[in-house]
Amino acid sequence: MTTLTVIRPRPEDVEGQPILRPLPSRECRSVGPFVFFDHMLLTRYAPGHGMNIRQHPHIGLSTLTYLFEGALQHKDSLGSDQVVQAGDVSWMTAGSAIAHVERTPEALKASGFSLHGLQVWLASPKDHETGPGHYSHHPAASLPVSDNLGVQIRLIAGNGFCLKSPVPVLSPTLYAEVQMQTATTLLIPDEHEERAVYVLAGDAQLDGEALEVHSLVVLPAGQEMTLFSDSDCHLVVFGGAPLDGPRRINWNFVASDPAVIEQARQRWAAGDWPTVPGESERIELPVR
């Protein structure tokens, strides 16, 4: 039997929102272009409360937000202002400097709501680490779906399972949401060199080995593997081509050159950074 790399995420808190963070970890720094993986746990907000992540900077990565419940308002220094609903993809490529804000829309905040979703970072290839930023919003209806024999696959980004997402990824990528009914199977092909499975809910086996809920399992390269659902289960399969060299992560900055990160830290601390229109509050550079 193949020995699987199993990562149990560490709990964190982002502006009052509880999350689980399996990437990066000591066992695994990246899977394909994915260098950061946050599971925003299902949280019920009372009326008048919500998430408010003030202006903060990024370089050298793309952020992808995908919600199962709730909504978020995305604003950035490019002038984007978009409410992201459950099932939509919010895709932001940072380039050499971008700032953004994520918060609960006021209408939703007033009534009370539940929030549940994923936010990931994908490291940009070296030839896209610098340059202009980009934002695009992809409604749920624009994402391709396969629904066969009790297994539904929605391709969030990249290509896989004979589907292709419209999200403008910068390198070979696989990111799929999978819903499996009890006693169904799914073959995970070896079309991408690096792959992982994250179990959101339910009981499943991978080639006969039981998977723990809220665990991230890194699959061995070059092997097709089969998922079997012992109950209705919800998971994501993600990965892609290996990174074109190691990446450094420091706070919200990702780069292949540590000098670029240091320059970004100094610029943000000095206020020499693009700003989000209409926003004055910001998250200050943390002390090392």
Foldseek 3Di string as FASTA:
>chain_A
DDDWDKFFFDWDADQNFIWTKRAPDPSHQAFAQWRTKIWRAKDWFAAQDWHKAAKDKEFQKKKKWAWQWAWKWKFKLVGDTDIAGHQKIKIKHAALMMIMIIMHPNVCNRHIIITTTMMTIGGAAQVRRHDDMDIDMGHNVQWDWDAPDQKIKTWRAADDPNGHHPPDDRAHKGKIKMKGAAFDKDKGALPFFWKKKAWQDAWKDKQRHTDDHRMIIIDHGPDIIMMTGNHTTIMMMIHHYHHPADWDDDPNYIDRDVVSVVVVLVCQQVVNGRDGPPHDDHDHDDDD
